[in-house]
C-alpha atoms as a PDB file:
ATOM      1  CA  GLY A   1      18.104 -45.134 -37.253  1.00  0.00           C
ATOM      2  CA  HIS A   2      20.439 -43.824 -40.355  1.00  0.00           C
ATOM      3  CA  ASP A   3      18.111 -45.670 -42.987  1.00  0.00           C
ATOM      4  CA  THR A   4      17.250 -43.750 -46.675  1.00  0.00           C
ATOM      5  CA  LYS A   5      14.193 -42.559 -44.837  1.00  0.00           C
ATOM      6  CA  ASN A   6      15.617 -41.024 -41.174  1.00  0.00           C
ATOM      7  CA  ILE A   7      18.555 -38.990 -43.506  1.00  0.00           C
ATOM      8  CA  ASN A   8      15.776 -37.754 -45.741  1.00  0.00           C
ATOM      9  CA  ASP A   9      12.949 -36.777 -43.528  1.00  0.00           C
ATOM     10  CA  PHE A  10      16.678 -35.576 -41.408  1.00  0.00           C
ATOM     11  CA  TYR A  11      17.904 -33.380 -44.550  1.00  0.00           C
ATOM     12  CA  THR A  12      14.755 -31.740 -44.618  1.00  0.00           C
ATOM     13  CA  ILE A  13      14.162 -29.899 -41.706  1.00  0.00           C
ATOM     14  CA  PHE A  14      18.429 -29.695 -41.712  1.00  0.00           C
ATOM     15  CA  SER A  15      18.427 -27.792 -45.129  1.00  0.00           C
ATOM     16  CA  ASP A  16      15.486 -25.844 -43.863  1.00  0.00           C
ATOM     17  CA  THR A  17      17.387 -24.574 -40.529  1.00  0.00           C
ATOM     18  CA  MET A  18      20.287 -24.124 -42.723  1.00  0.00           C
ATOM     19  CA  TYR A  19      18.589 -21.760 -45.091  1.00  0.00           C
ATOM     20  CA  ARG A  20      16.368 -20.108 -42.101  1.00  0.00           C
ATOM     21  CA  HIS A  21      20.071 -19.280 -40.547  1.00  0.00           C
ATOM     22  CA  GLY A  22      21.702 -17.910 -43.825  1.00  0.00           C
ATOM     23  CA  THR A  23      24.035 -20.844 -44.473  1.00  0.00           C
ATOM     24  CA  PRO A  24      24.937 -22.850 -47.502  1.00  0.00           C
ATOM     25  CA  VAL A  25      24.270 -26.560 -46.488  1.00  0.00           C
ATOM     26  CA  PHE A  26      26.238 -29.670 -47.140  1.00  0.00           C
ATOM     27  CA  ASP A  27      25.337 -31.930 -49.844  1.00  0.00           C
ATOM     28  CA  LYS A  28      22.806 -34.671 -48.524  1.00  0.00           C
ATOM     29  CA  LYS A  29      25.091 -37.319 -49.663  1.00  0.00           C
ATOM     30  CA  LEU A  30      28.051 -36.531 -47.164  1.00  0.00           C
ATOM     31  CA  PHE A  31      24.699 -38.137 -44.804  1.00  0.00           C
ATOM     32  CA  PHE A  32      24.621 -41.008 -46.635  1.00  0.00           C
ATOM     33  CA  HIS A  33      28.371 -41.432 -47.059  1.00  0.00           C
ATOM     34  CA  LEU A  34      28.527 -40.913 -42.944  1.00  0.00           C
ATOM     35  CA  ALA A  35      25.816 -43.759 -42.747  1.00  0.00           C
ATOM     36  CA  SER A  36      26.746 -45.801 -44.503  1.00  0.00           C
ATOM     37  CA  LYS A  37      30.347 -45.901 -43.608  1.00  0.00           C
ATOM     38  CA  PHE A  38      29.830 -45.295 -39.584  1.00  0.00           C
ATOM     39  CA  LYS A  39      26.446 -47.424 -39.372  1.00  0.00           C
ATOM     40  CA  GLU A  40      26.635 -47.831 -35.491  1.00  0.00           C
ATOM     41  CA  ASN A  41      28.459 -44.418 -34.306  1.00  0.00           C
ATOM     42  CA  ILE A  42      25.762 -42.375 -36.353  1.00  0.00           C
ATOM     43  CA  ILE A  43      21.784 -41.719 -36.043  1.00  0.00           C
ATOM     44  CA  PHE A  44      18.930 -39.404 -37.224  1.00  0.00           C
ATOM     45  CA  TYR A  45      16.478 -39.327 -34.548  1.00  0.00           C
ATOM     46  CA  ASN A  46      12.984 -37.344 -36.166  1.00  0.00           C
ATOM     47  CA  ALA A  47      10.424 -36.062 -34.131  1.00  0.00           C
ATOM     48  CA  TYR A  48       6.912 -36.082 -36.404  1.00  0.00           C
ATOM     49  CA  ASP A  49       3.546 -34.675 -36.011  1.00  0.00           C
ATOM     50  CA  ASN A  50       1.551 -37.729 -37.795  1.00  0.00           C
ATOM     51  CA  ASN A  51       3.603 -38.426 -40.917  1.00  0.00           C
ATOM     52  CA  LYS A  52       4.801 -34.772 -40.783  1.00  0.00           C
ATOM     53  CA  VAL A  53       8.424 -34.232 -39.729  1.00  0.00           C
ATOM     54  CA  ILE A  54       9.569 -31.314 -37.830  1.00  0.00           C
ATOM     55  CA  ALA A  55      12.159 -32.155 -35.781  1.00  0.00           C
ATOM     56  CA  SER A  56      15.533 -33.670 -36.185  1.00  0.00           C
ATOM     57  CA  MET A  57      18.849 -34.129 -34.660  1.00  0.00           C
ATOM     58  CA  CYS A  58      22.256 -36.178 -36.415  1.00  0.00           C
ATOM     59  CA  ILE A  59      23.624 -37.929 -33.671  1.00  0.00           C
ATOM     60  CA  ILE A  60      27.504 -38.888 -33.841  1.00  0.00           C
ATOM     61  CA  ILE A  61      28.692 -41.218 -31.076  1.00  0.00           C
ATOM     62  CA  ASP A  62      32.588 -42.136 -30.167  1.00  0.00           C
ATOM     63  CA  ASP A  63      32.589 -44.572 -27.129  1.00  0.00           C
ATOM     64  CA  GLU A  64      31.334 -42.685 -24.152  1.00  0.00           C
ATOM     65  CA  ILE A  65      30.673 -39.130 -26.133  1.00  0.00           C
ATOM     66  CA  ALA A  66      27.281 -38.395 -28.944  1.00  0.00           C
ATOM     67  CA  TRP A  67      27.856 -35.013 -30.033  1.00  0.00           C
ATOM     68  CA  TYR A  68      24.949 -33.253 -31.974  1.00  0.00           C
ATOM     69  CA  PRO A  69      26.584 -31.659 -35.062  1.00  0.00           C
ATOM     70  CA  TRP A  70      23.449 -30.731 -36.824  1.00  0.00           C
ATOM     71  CA  GLY A  71      19.869 -30.933 -36.844  1.00  0.00           C
ATOM     72  CA  GLY A  72      16.976 -28.519 -36.778  1.00  0.00           C
ATOM     73  CA  VAL A  73      13.549 -27.471 -36.335  1.00  0.00           C
ATOM     74  CA  ASP A  74      10.246 -26.662 -38.758  1.00  0.00           C
ATOM     75  CA  ASN A  75       9.874 -23.031 -37.985  1.00  0.00           C
ATOM     76  CA  GLU A  76       5.787 -24.003 -37.930  1.00  0.00           C
ATOM     77  CA  TYR A  77       6.527 -26.290 -34.057  1.00  0.00           C
ATOM     78  CA  THR A  78       9.466 -24.115 -32.801  1.00  0.00           C
ATOM     79  CA  LYS A  79       6.366 -22.272 -30.283  1.00  0.00           C
ATOM     80  CA  GLN A  80       5.125 -25.881 -28.914  1.00  0.00           C
ATOM     81  CA  LEU A  81       8.866 -26.427 -28.597  1.00  0.00           C
ATOM     82  CA  ALA A  82       9.298 -29.671 -30.378  1.00  0.00           C
ATOM     83  CA  GLY A  83      13.187 -28.726 -30.587  1.00  0.00           C
ATOM     84  CA  TYR A  84      12.918 -29.298 -26.735  1.00  0.00           C
ATOM     85  CA  PHE A  85      11.309 -32.470 -27.114  1.00  0.00           C
ATOM     86  CA  VAL A  86      13.236 -33.615 -29.800  1.00  0.00           C
ATOM     87  CA  TYR A  87      16.310 -32.505 -27.509  1.00  0.00           C
ATOM     88  CA  TRP A  88      14.955 -34.208 -24.650  1.00  0.00           C
ATOM     89  CA  GLN A  89      14.063 -37.752 -26.073  1.00  0.00           C
ATOM     90  CA  VAL A  90      17.161 -37.775 -27.356  1.00  0.00           C
ATOM     91  CA  ILE A  91      20.058 -37.150 -24.362  1.00  0.00           C
ATOM     92  CA  GLN A  92      17.633 -40.153 -22.468  1.00  0.00           C
ATOM     93  CA  ASN A  93      17.460 -42.614 -25.069  1.00  0.00           C
ATOM     94  CA  ILE A  94      20.883 -41.576 -26.158  1.00  0.00           C
ATOM     95  CA  CYS A  95      22.811 -42.016 -22.543  1.00  0.00           C
ATOM     96  CA  GLU A  96      20.592 -44.869 -21.322  1.00  0.00           C
ATOM     97  CA  LYS A  97      21.461 -47.433 -24.024  1.00  0.00           C
ATOM     98  CA  LYS A  98      24.797 -46.399 -25.610  1.00  0.00           C
ATOM     99  CA  ASN A  99      26.846 -45.777 -21.557  1.00  0.00           C
ATOM    100  CA  ILE A 100      27.043 -41.860 -23.145  1.00  0.00           C
ATOM    101  CA  LYS A 101      28.764 -40.009 -19.934  1.00  0.00           C
ATOM    102  CA  ILE A 102      29.463 -36.665 -22.298  1.00  0.00           C
ATOM    103  CA  PHE A 103      26.764 -35.272 -24.685  1.00  0.00           C
ATOM    104  CA  ASP A 104      28.517 -32.713 -26.824  1.00  0.00           C
ATOM    105  CA  PHE A 105      25.581 -30.004 -27.505  1.00  0.00           C
ATOM    106  CA  GLY A 106      27.657 -28.354 -31.023  1.00  0.00           C
ATOM    107  CA  ARG A 107      28.954 -25.326 -31.108  1.00  0.00           C
ATOM    108  CA  SER A 108      27.320 -22.016 -30.672  1.00  0.00           C
ATOM    109  CA  ALA A 109      27.994 -18.524 -30.513  1.00  0.00           C
ATOM    110  CA  TYR A 110      28.761 -16.935 -27.277  1.00  0.00           C
ATOM    111  CA  ASN A 111      25.250 -15.894 -25.564  1.00  0.00           C
ATOM    112  CA  GLY A 112      23.857 -16.047 -29.000  1.00  0.00           C
ATOM    113  CA  ASN A 113      20.318 -18.419 -28.928  1.00  0.00           C
ATOM    114  CA  THR A 114      21.355 -21.362 -29.623  1.00  0.00           C
ATOM    115  CA  TYR A 115      24.021 -20.762 -26.653  1.00  0.00           C
ATOM    116  CA  LYS A 116      21.232 -19.684 -24.779  1.00  0.00           C
ATOM    117  CA  PHE A 117      18.984 -23.009 -25.877  1.00  0.00           C
ATOM    118  CA  LYS A 118      21.826 -25.407 -24.834  1.00  0.00           C
ATOM    119  CA  SER A 119      22.126 -24.072 -22.115  1.00  0.00           C
ATOM    120  CA  LYS A 120      19.092 -24.514 -20.687  1.00  0.00           C
ATOM    121  CA  PHE A 121      19.662 -28.297 -20.771  1.00  0.00           C
ATOM    122  CA  GLY A 122      22.926 -28.112 -18.041  1.00  0.00           C
ATOM    123  CA  ALA A 123      25.381 -27.754 -21.218  1.00  0.00           C
ATOM    124  CA  THR A 124      28.343 -26.302 -19.778  1.00  0.00           C
ATOM    125  CA  PRO A 125      30.348 -24.079 -22.335  1.00  0.00           C
ATOM    126  CA  VAL A 126      33.992 -24.899 -23.478  1.00  0.00           C
ATOM    127  CA  LYS A 127      35.666 -22.889 -25.580  1.00  0.00           C
ATOM    128  CA  ILE A 128      36.530 -24.060 -28.879  1.00  0.00           C
ATOM    129  CA  ASP A 129      39.471 -21.887 -30.929  1.00  0.00           C
ATOM    130  CA  ILE A 130      39.429 -22.594 -34.577  1.00  0.00           C
ATOM    131  CA  LEU A 131      42.975 -23.347 -35.970  1.00  0.00           C
ATOM    132  CA  THR A 132      43.046 -20.604 -39.230  1.00  0.00           C
ATOM    133  CA  SER A 133      46.189 -17.771 -39.754  1.00  0.00           C
ATOM    134  CA  GLU A 134      42.940 -15.500 -40.279  1.00  0.00           C
ATOM    135  CA  THR A 135      41.936 -13.292 -36.627  1.00  0.00           C
ATOM    136  CA  THR A 136      38.944 -12.357 -38.108  1.00  0.00           C
ATOM    137  CA  ASP A 137      35.139 -13.300 -36.400  1.00  0.00           C
ATOM    138  CA  LEU A 138      33.832 -16.296 -37.309  1.00  0.00           C
ATOM    139  CA  TYR A 139      30.397 -14.753 -37.176  1.00  0.00           C
ATOM    140  CA  SER A 140      30.632 -11.649 -38.022  1.00  0.00           C
ATOM    141  CA  ARG A 141      32.660 -12.295 -41.343  1.00  0.00           C
ATOM    142  CA  TYR A 142      30.008 -14.023 -43.280  1.00  0.00           C
ATOM    143  CA  SER A 143      27.101 -11.814 -41.732  1.00  0.00           C
ATOM    144  CA  LEU A 144      26.021 -10.323 -45.258  1.00  0.00           C
ATOM    145  CA  ALA A 145      26.548 -13.121 -47.620  1.00  0.00           C
ATOM    146  CA  SER A 146      24.467 -14.963 -44.678  1.00  0.00           C
ATOM    147  CA  ASP A 147      21.785 -11.768 -45.366  1.00  0.00           C
ATOM    148  CA  ILE A 148      21.558 -12.270 -49.001  1.00  0.00           C
ATOM    149  CA  TRP A 149      21.197 -15.914 -48.932  1.00  0.00           C
ATOM    150  CA  LYS A 150      18.038 -15.623 -46.167  1.00  0.00           C
ATOM    151  CA  LYS A 151      16.538 -14.064 -49.361  1.00  0.00           C
ATOM    152  CA  LEU A 152      17.278 -16.260 -52.132  1.00  0.00           C
ATOM    153  CA  PRO A 153      14.983 -18.218 -53.518  1.00  0.00           C
ATOM    154  CA  LYS A 154      14.686 -22.030 -51.609  1.00  0.00           C
ATOM    155  CA  ASN A 155      15.709 -23.986 -54.996  1.00  0.00           C
ATOM    156  CA  MET A 156      18.265 -21.982 -55.320  1.00  0.00           C
ATOM    157  CA  VAL A 157      19.915 -22.355 -51.914  1.00  0.00           C
ATOM    158  CA  ASP A 158      19.264 -26.231 -52.110  1.00  0.00           C
ATOM    159  CA  PHE A 159      21.181 -26.182 -55.474  1.00  0.00           C
ATOM    160  CA  MET A 160      23.934 -23.947 -55.008  1.00  0.00           C
ATOM    161  CA  GLY A 161      24.446 -24.281 -51.043  1.00  0.00           C
ATOM    162  CA  PRO A 162      26.067 -28.651 -51.348  1.00  0.00           C
ATOM    163  CA  LYS A 163      28.657 -26.758 -54.166  1.00  0.00           C
ATOM    164  CA  LEU A 164      29.990 -24.057 -52.529  1.00  0.00           C
ATOM    165  CA  CYS A 165      30.009 -25.801 -48.673  1.00  0.00           C
ATOM    166  CA  LYS A 166      33.251 -27.175 -49.958  1.00  0.00           C
ATOM    167  CA  TYR A 167      35.036 -23.906 -50.008  1.00  0.00           C
ATOM    168  CA  LEU A 168      33.622 -22.965 -46.532  1.00  0.00           C
ATOM    169  CA  VAL A 169      36.103 -24.452 -44.320  1.00  0.00           C
ATOM    170  CA  ASP A 170      34.905 -23.330 -40.906  1.00  0.00           C
ATOM    171  CA  LEU A 171      31.138 -24.016 -41.655  1.00  0.00           C
END
């Protein structure tokens, strides 16, 4: 759904996942605004172990396409394959109920871990050119900053990340 609890639970997992990857996180307000403006076209899926949220996905729907731009898994549940479980459940649910023909897994570095994970679901890569005047590699450009970000205290990145994101146009 897209109520307050679903968005808060999603954001807990999403922000922790982004932190582990060394990436600033968008402000939680963004997701509340998206949910209020696109009620029928945005869904937050959460998986729980008892009452603890362990995996989350935000799905945006446009006609026959479902796009997965944001989500994550609690690091304690990766070995139990919580990410696989949520992906599978969401794909089944979305495709059956919404008549989806294309499930867009979102972007990832070619042959990186996320790319390999998505390919296990039968995803077919599509090269996306990022429109910019710079010729630097998007992922290597932030590698030092990402390594530093992972070492900062979580409460600091939770505060600074949303303020910093507006300056990182290619996130």
